[in-house]
Structure formats: C-alpha cells, structure tokens
Amino acid sequence: MGVSIGDTCMLYKKCKICKETKYLKEFQSTGGRRSNPSKRKSFCRDCKDRRHERLLSPRQDYKFDTSLLDPLKEIVIRGRSISGYRYENIISYDRAKKLVEEGAAGIVHSTLIHNFFNWKSLRKFVLERDSYTCHYCGFYGDTIDHKVPKSKEGASTPSNCVCACIECNRNKDDIWYEEFINKVELIEQG
C-alpha cells in the first residue's frame, strides 16, 4: 500500500477543485487576525475563480427494504427542521418502518434512517404533486389533509397526505378516509 505526498506531510494539500496536490502556500489562508496560519482554503490560488464550482461527492444511497431495520435496537432518525437546523431523535421501530414504507425516509443502516421532509417541504411537495387540486372535490386546494388522521396515528408522509380545499379539509376533520369518500359520494348522488 503506497503512501503519496500529501497523505502524511503537512506541507502539502489536495485542492478540492482541480484535485492536484500542491504546496501549502498555494492555498490562501482562511484570514482573520488571529487565524491559525496552517488553516487554509480548500481550493488553490489557481482555482480561485472556479471556487463556485462544487464537486459533489456521490449521493447517499438509501435502502427501502424495512427488513434491514433492527427491531431489537433503538432507531435514530436524522433530518432538518424548517429553519434548516439538523436534528437527531430516537423513534420506535414501528414508526421508523412506517416512515420508510410510506416514502418519507430512507435507511442508511440498521439503526439509522434519514427523514426526507420537514413540514414545509412536505407541504410544498404534496401541493405540487397534486397540482393544487383538491383530492375530494376537484377544485383548487391549498391545504394538506391526512388520509389516516394524525389523531388515529397517521403519519405526515407523502403517501398519507393529499391536497385538499379548506372546506373539504374542515368537513373531513378526523374521520377515516373511506368513510369521508362514501360521504362525499352520497352528497354528489343525492
């Protein structure tokens, strides 16, 4: 196993843009009066004009097979809040399984899942997916309704949420989806 220059030597660094290993002085210092002189920018002086280019690392590959989750250990969920802060919580196996099955999260490994949505992004996703059309009456809708109500342990996931107009959302309240659909059909017939 070979060791290349820059792996162990502190006088060299690898540029994140051109991927070349260069002498440390080829990288600008991070600045500041009391900054550490060894702290340098991640791009070299030659790539200064290309600093807006961001080389993306390979995307995280998520798995969606819930048999990979470990039912005997605590499951950790990670995500971002509406304000953009990262969070990490411990949830039950059943909740984790439900979030993965309904398309709101992906499995990283047996005890860790990533939540894809916060409330704001879920709302935007569902409204755009349903083209701002009420799922029940077909008119303009700008609210989100849970098919299985949250009061009956329904999750805020893309498969459980639909676009609804204010009136239909208010009328459905917390009754079951099938029950409300039957009620709407009876009103339309009679």
C-alpha atoms as a PDB file:
ATOM      1  CA  MET A   1       0.000   0.000   0.000  1.00  0.00           C
ATOM      2  CA  GLY A   2       1.665   3.177  -1.210  1.00  0.00           C
ATOM      3  CA  VAL A   3       1.622   6.488   0.582  1.00  0.00           C
ATOM      4  CA  SER A   4       1.550   9.538  -1.642  1.00  0.00           C
ATOM      5  CA  ILE A   5       2.778  13.012  -0.856  1.00  0.00           C
ATOM      6  CA  GLY A   6       0.105  14.945   0.966  1.00  0.00           C
ATOM      7  CA  ASP A   7      -1.228  11.918   2.851  1.00  0.00           C
ATOM      8  CA  THR A   8       1.061  12.414   5.824  1.00  0.00           C
ATOM      9  CA  CYS A   9       3.118  15.512   5.058  1.00  0.00           C
ATOM     10  CA  MET A  10       1.653  18.733   6.488  1.00  0.00           C
ATOM     11  CA  LEU A  11       3.404  20.872   3.841  1.00  0.00           C
ATOM     12  CA  TYR A  12       1.153  19.681   1.038  1.00  0.00           C
ATOM     13  CA  LYS A  13      -2.579  19.737   0.488  1.00  0.00           C
ATOM     14  CA  LYS A  14      -5.008  18.477  -2.157  1.00  0.00           C
ATOM     15  CA  CYS A  15      -7.193  21.029  -3.997  1.00  0.00           C
ATOM     16  CA  LYS A  16     -10.911  20.170  -3.873  1.00  0.00           C
ATOM     17  CA  ILE A  17     -11.476  21.556  -7.388  1.00  0.00           C
ATOM     18  CA  CYS A  18      -8.513  20.540  -9.562  1.00  0.00           C
ATOM     19  CA  LYS A  19      -7.649  17.527  -7.351  1.00  0.00           C
ATOM     20  CA  GLU A  20      -3.915  18.305  -7.551  1.00  0.00           C
ATOM     21  CA  THR A  21      -1.629  18.020  -4.529  1.00  0.00           C
ATOM     22  CA  LYS A  22       0.214  21.339  -4.075  1.00  0.00           C
ATOM     23  CA  TYR A  23       2.481  23.093  -1.629  1.00  0.00           C
ATOM     24  CA  LEU A  24       0.518  24.540   1.330  1.00  0.00           C
ATOM     25  CA  LYS A  25       1.416  28.148   0.441  1.00  0.00           C
ATOM     26  CA  GLU A  26      -0.505  27.695  -2.853  1.00  0.00           C
ATOM     27  CA  PHE A  27      -3.706  27.806  -0.754  1.00  0.00           C
ATOM     28  CA  GLN A  28      -4.921  31.088   0.731  1.00  0.00           C
ATOM     29  CA  SER A  29      -5.163  31.296   4.495  1.00  0.00           C
ATOM     30  CA  THR A  30      -8.669  31.442   5.897  1.00  0.00           C
ATOM     31  CA  GLY A  31      -7.949  35.006   7.062  1.00  0.00           C
ATOM     32  CA  GLY A  32      -8.565  36.825  10.269  1.00  0.00           C
ATOM     33  CA  ARG A  33      -6.111  38.454  12.618  1.00  0.00           C
ATOM     34  CA  ARG A  34      -5.869  35.522  14.979  1.00  0.00           C
ATOM     35  CA  SER A  35      -6.382  32.763  12.469  1.00  0.00           C
ATOM     36  CA  ASN A  36      -4.307  29.642  12.535  1.00  0.00           C
ATOM     37  CA  PRO A  37      -1.671  30.002   9.780  1.00  0.00           C
ATOM     38  CA  SER A  38      -1.990  26.301   8.947  1.00  0.00           C
ATOM     39  CA  LYS A  39      -5.724  26.690   8.240  1.00  0.00           C
ATOM     40  CA  ARG A  40      -6.062  27.130   4.514  1.00  0.00           C
ATOM     41  CA  LYS A  41      -8.896  27.312   1.981  1.00  0.00           C
ATOM     42  CA  SER A  42      -9.895  24.066   0.294  1.00  0.00           C
ATOM     43  CA  PHE A  43      -9.061  25.362  -3.197  1.00  0.00           C
ATOM     44  CA  CYS A  44      -5.702  26.516  -4.570  1.00  0.00           C
ATOM     45  CA  ARG A  45      -4.909  30.012  -5.869  1.00  0.00           C
ATOM     46  CA  ASP A  46      -5.187  28.761  -9.471  1.00  0.00           C
ATOM     47  CA  CYS A  47      -8.778  27.623  -8.833  1.00  0.00           C
ATOM     48  CA  LYS A  48      -9.782  30.811  -7.023  1.00  0.00           C
ATOM     49  CA  ASP A  49     -12.018  31.911  -9.916  1.00  0.00           C
ATOM     50  CA  ARG A  50     -13.600  28.452 -10.016  1.00  0.00           C
ATOM     51  CA  ARG A  51     -14.413  28.376  -6.286  1.00  0.00           C
ATOM     52  CA  HIS A  52     -18.161  28.467  -7.023  1.00  0.00           C
ATOM     53  CA  GLU A  53     -17.803  25.023  -8.622  1.00  0.00           C
ATOM     54  CA  ARG A  54     -18.592  22.486  -6.023  1.00  0.00           C
ATOM     55  CA  LEU A  55     -17.580  18.953  -6.659  1.00  0.00           C
ATOM     56  CA  LEU A  56     -20.336  16.822  -5.233  1.00  0.00           C
ATOM     57  CA  SER A  57     -19.478  13.593  -3.566  1.00  0.00           C
ATOM     58  CA  PRO A  58     -21.508  10.552  -4.534  1.00  0.00           C
ATOM     59  CA  ARG A  59     -25.065  10.788  -3.243  1.00  0.00           C
ATOM     60  CA  GLN A  60     -26.053   8.761  -0.245  1.00  0.00           C
ATOM     61  CA  ASP A  61     -27.640   5.528  -1.409  1.00  0.00           C
ATOM     62  CA  TYR A  62     -30.682   4.803   0.689  1.00  0.00           C
ATOM     63  CA  LYS A  63     -32.298   1.444   1.079  1.00  0.00           C
ATOM     64  CA  PHE A  64     -36.045   0.996   1.421  1.00  0.00           C
ATOM     65  CA  ASP A  65     -36.282  -2.647   2.470  1.00  0.00           C
ATOM     66  CA  THR A  66     -37.676  -2.467   6.017  1.00  0.00           C
ATOM     67  CA  SER A  67     -36.342  -5.940   6.848  1.00  0.00           C
ATOM     68  CA  LEU A  68     -32.924  -4.251   7.143  1.00  0.00           C
ATOM     69  CA  LEU A  69     -34.077  -2.340  10.257  1.00  0.00           C
ATOM     70  CA  ASP A  70     -33.102  -3.886  13.575  1.00  0.00           C
ATOM     71  CA  PRO A  71     -36.266  -4.290  15.711  1.00  0.00           C
ATOM     72  CA  LEU A  72     -34.241  -5.002  18.866  1.00  0.00           C
ATOM     73  CA  LYS A  73     -32.255  -1.743  18.897  1.00  0.00           C
ATOM     74  CA  GLU A  74     -33.165   1.918  19.082  1.00  0.00           C
ATOM     75  CA  ILE A  75     -33.686   3.537  15.680  1.00  0.00           C
ATOM     76  CA  VAL A  76     -32.214   7.004  15.171  1.00  0.00           C
ATOM     77  CA  ILE A  77     -33.830   9.429  12.729  1.00  0.00           C
ATOM     78  CA  ARG A  78     -31.920  12.399  11.342  1.00  0.00           C
ATOM     79  CA  GLY A  79     -33.237  15.294   9.324  1.00  0.00           C
ATOM     80  CA  ARG A  80     -33.510  19.061   9.040  1.00  0.00           C
ATOM     81  CA  SER A  81     -36.018  21.330  10.738  1.00  0.00           C
ATOM     82  CA  ILE A  82     -37.965  24.063   8.920  1.00  0.00           C
ATOM     83  CA  SER A  83     -35.298  26.579   9.950  1.00  0.00           C
ATOM     84  CA  GLY A  84     -32.564  24.354   8.461  1.00  0.00           C
ATOM     85  CA  TYR A  85     -31.050  23.019  11.679  1.00  0.00           C
ATOM     86  CA  ARG A  86     -30.053  19.374  11.805  1.00  0.00           C
ATOM     87  CA  TYR A  87     -31.788  17.189  14.341  1.00  0.00           C
ATOM     88  CA  GLU A  88     -31.468  13.654  15.611  1.00  0.00           C
ATOM     89  CA  ASN A  89     -34.129  11.758  17.567  1.00  0.00           C
ATOM     90  CA  ILE A  90     -34.770   8.223  18.707  1.00  0.00           C
ATOM     91  CA  ILE A  91     -38.000   6.677  17.415  1.00  0.00           C
ATOM     92  CA  SER A  92     -39.689   3.304  17.722  1.00  0.00           C
ATOM     93  CA  TYR A  93     -39.120   0.505  15.252  1.00  0.00           C
ATOM     94  CA  ASP A  94     -42.776   0.635  14.150  1.00  0.00           C
ATOM     95  CA  ARG A  95     -42.627   4.389  13.452  1.00  0.00           C
ATOM     96  CA  ALA A  96     -39.359   4.004  11.520  1.00  0.00           C
ATOM     97  CA  LYS A  97     -40.843   1.158   9.471  1.00  0.00           C
ATOM     98  CA  LYS A  98     -43.934   3.238   8.685  1.00  0.00           C
ATOM     99  CA  LEU A  99     -41.877   6.281   7.593  1.00  0.00           C
ATOM    100  CA  VAL A 100     -39.733   4.160   5.263  1.00  0.00           C
ATOM    101  CA  GLU A 101     -42.711   2.257   3.793  1.00  0.00           C
ATOM    102  CA  GLU A 102     -44.608   5.488   3.105  1.00  0.00           C
ATOM    103  CA  GLY A 103     -41.681   7.193   1.368  1.00  0.00           C
ATOM    104  CA  ALA A 104     -40.779   9.804   3.982  1.00  0.00           C
ATOM    105  CA  ALA A 105     -37.416   8.333   4.996  1.00  0.00           C
ATOM    106  CA  GLY A 106     -34.591   6.148   3.726  1.00  0.00           C
ATOM    107  CA  ILE A 107     -32.485   3.580   5.558  1.00  0.00           C
ATOM    108  CA  VAL A 108     -28.790   4.343   5.956  1.00  0.00           C
ATOM    109  CA  HIS A 109     -28.089   1.268   8.093  1.00  0.00           C
ATOM    110  CA  SER A 110     -29.979  -0.982  10.516  1.00  0.00           C
ATOM    111  CA  THR A 111     -30.294   1.652  13.265  1.00  0.00           C
ATOM    112  CA  LEU A 112     -30.282   4.928  11.288  1.00  0.00           C
ATOM    113  CA  ILE A 113     -32.820   6.476   8.897  1.00  0.00           C
ATOM    114  CA  HIS A 114     -32.857   9.887   7.235  1.00  0.00           C
ATOM    115  CA  ASN A 115     -36.077  11.893   7.112  1.00  0.00           C
ATOM    116  CA  PHE A 116     -36.540  13.430   3.642  1.00  0.00           C
ATOM    117  CA  PHE A 117     -39.140  16.031   4.595  1.00  0.00           C
ATOM    118  CA  ASN A 118     -39.868  18.681   7.178  1.00  0.00           C
ATOM    119  CA  TRP A 119     -43.394  20.098   7.355  1.00  0.00           C
ATOM    120  CA  LYS A 120     -42.687  22.953   4.927  1.00  0.00           C
ATOM    121  CA  SER A 121     -41.044  20.780   2.263  1.00  0.00           C
ATOM    122  CA  LEU A 122     -43.714  18.066   2.631  1.00  0.00           C
ATOM    123  CA  ARG A 123     -46.486  20.623   2.139  1.00  0.00           C
ATOM    124  CA  LYS A 124     -44.804  22.043  -0.971  1.00  0.00           C
ATOM    125  CA  PHE A 125     -44.168  18.547  -2.364  1.00  0.00           C
ATOM    126  CA  VAL A 126     -47.786  17.371  -1.886  1.00  0.00           C
ATOM    127  CA  LEU A 127     -49.354  20.564  -3.283  1.00  0.00           C
ATOM    128  CA  GLU A 128     -47.137  20.469  -6.384  1.00  0.00           C
ATOM    129  CA  ARG A 129     -47.619  16.714  -6.830  1.00  0.00           C
ATOM    130  CA  ASP A 130     -51.416  17.143  -6.755  1.00  0.00           C
ATOM    131  CA  SER A 131     -51.278  20.326  -8.899  1.00  0.00           C
ATOM    132  CA  TYR A 132     -53.106  22.344  -6.215  1.00  0.00           C
ATOM    133  CA  THR A 133     -56.265  20.322  -6.958  1.00  0.00           C
ATOM    134  CA  CYS A 134     -58.454  19.103  -4.103  1.00  0.00           C
ATOM    135  CA  HIS A 135     -58.379  15.317  -3.861  1.00  0.00           C
ATOM    136  CA  TYR A 136     -62.041  15.188  -2.813  1.00  0.00           C
ATOM    137  CA  CYS A 137     -63.942  17.767  -4.891  1.00  0.00           C
ATOM    138  CA  GLY A 138     -61.537  18.578  -7.739  1.00  0.00           C
ATOM    139  CA  PHE A 139     -61.481  22.336  -7.136  1.00  0.00           C
ATOM    140  CA  TYR A 140     -58.490  24.481  -6.122  1.00  0.00           C
ATOM    141  CA  GLY A 141     -56.842  23.288  -2.913  1.00  0.00           C
ATOM    142  CA  ASP A 142     -54.058  24.787  -0.864  1.00  0.00           C
ATOM    143  CA  THR A 143     -54.144  22.768   2.354  1.00  0.00           C
ATOM    144  CA  ILE A 144     -52.848  19.329   3.264  1.00  0.00           C
ATOM    145  CA  ASP A 145     -55.134  16.583   4.570  1.00  0.00           C
ATOM    146  CA  HIS A 146     -54.050  13.302   6.155  1.00  0.00           C
ATOM    147  CA  LYS A 147     -55.916  10.286   4.747  1.00  0.00           C
ATOM    148  CA  VAL A 148     -55.379   8.487   8.050  1.00  0.00           C
ATOM    149  CA  PRO A 149     -55.809  11.301  10.579  1.00  0.00           C
ATOM    150  CA  LYS A 150     -52.923  12.174  12.864  1.00  0.00           C
ATOM    151  CA  SER A 151     -55.274  11.588  15.801  1.00  0.00           C
ATOM    152  CA  LYS A 152     -55.519   7.952  14.635  1.00  0.00           C
ATOM    153  CA  GLU A 153     -51.739   7.578  14.315  1.00  0.00           C
ATOM    154  CA  GLY A 154     -51.486   8.646  10.689  1.00  0.00           C
ATOM    155  CA  ALA A 155     -48.035   9.861   9.696  1.00  0.00           C
ATOM    156  CA  SER A 156     -47.093  13.025   7.825  1.00  0.00           C
ATOM    157  CA  THR A 157     -45.785  11.214   4.759  1.00  0.00           C
ATOM    158  CA  PRO A 158     -46.281  11.746   1.020  1.00  0.00           C
ATOM    159  CA  SER A 159     -48.466   8.655   0.661  1.00  0.00           C
ATOM    160  CA  ASN A 160     -50.711   9.624   3.591  1.00  0.00           C
ATOM    161  CA  CYS A 161     -51.122  13.306   2.640  1.00  0.00           C
ATOM    162  CA  VAL A 162     -53.245  14.760  -0.156  1.00  0.00           C
ATOM    163  CA  CYS A 163     -54.081  18.257  -1.344  1.00  0.00           C
ATOM    164  CA  ALA A 164     -57.481  19.486  -0.152  1.00  0.00           C
ATOM    165  CA  CYS A 165     -59.510  22.673  -0.272  1.00  0.00           C
ATOM    166  CA  ILE A 166     -60.266  24.351   3.040  1.00  0.00           C
ATOM    167  CA  GLU A 167     -63.910  23.269   3.011  1.00  0.00           C
ATOM    168  CA  CYS A 168     -63.209  19.565   2.356  1.00  0.00           C
ATOM    169  CA  ASN A 169     -60.379  19.579   4.876  1.00  0.00           C
ATOM    170  CA  ARG A 170     -62.683  21.072   7.505  1.00  0.00           C
ATOM    171  CA  ASN A 171     -65.527  18.653   6.671  1.00  0.00           C
ATOM    172  CA  LYS A 172     -63.308  15.574   6.815  1.00  0.00           C
ATOM    173  CA  ASP A 173     -61.960  16.592  10.225  1.00  0.00           C
ATOM    174  CA  ASP A 174     -60.628  13.377  11.795  1.00  0.00           C
ATOM    175  CA  ILE A 175     -62.806  10.697  10.222  1.00  0.00           C
ATOM    176  CA  TRP A 176     -61.393   7.805   8.205  1.00  0.00           C
ATOM    177  CA  TYR A 177     -60.607   8.352   4.520  1.00  0.00           C
ATOM    178  CA  GLU A 178     -63.017   5.695   3.164  1.00  0.00           C
ATOM    179  CA  GLU A 179     -65.799   6.978   5.396  1.00  0.00           C
ATOM    180  CA  PHE A 180     -65.375  10.525   4.072  1.00  0.00           C
ATOM    181  CA  ILE A 181     -65.192   9.345   0.432  1.00  0.00           C
ATOM    182  CA  ASN A 182     -68.506   7.491   0.920  1.00  0.00           C
ATOM    183  CA  LYS A 183     -69.992  10.616   2.479  1.00  0.00           C
ATOM    184  CA  VAL A 184     -68.861  12.767  -0.496  1.00  0.00           C
ATOM    185  CA  GLU A 185     -70.290  10.234  -2.983  1.00  0.00           C
ATOM    186  CA  LEU A 186     -73.660  10.236  -1.180  1.00  0.00           C
ATOM    187  CA  ILE A 187     -73.782  14.047  -1.316  1.00  0.00           C
ATOM    188  CA  GLU A 188     -72.954  14.031  -5.053  1.00  0.00           C
ATOM    189  CA  GLN A 189     -75.667  11.424  -5.788  1.00  0.00           C
ATOM    190  CA  GLY A 190     -78.419  12.959  -3.681  1.00  0.00           C
END
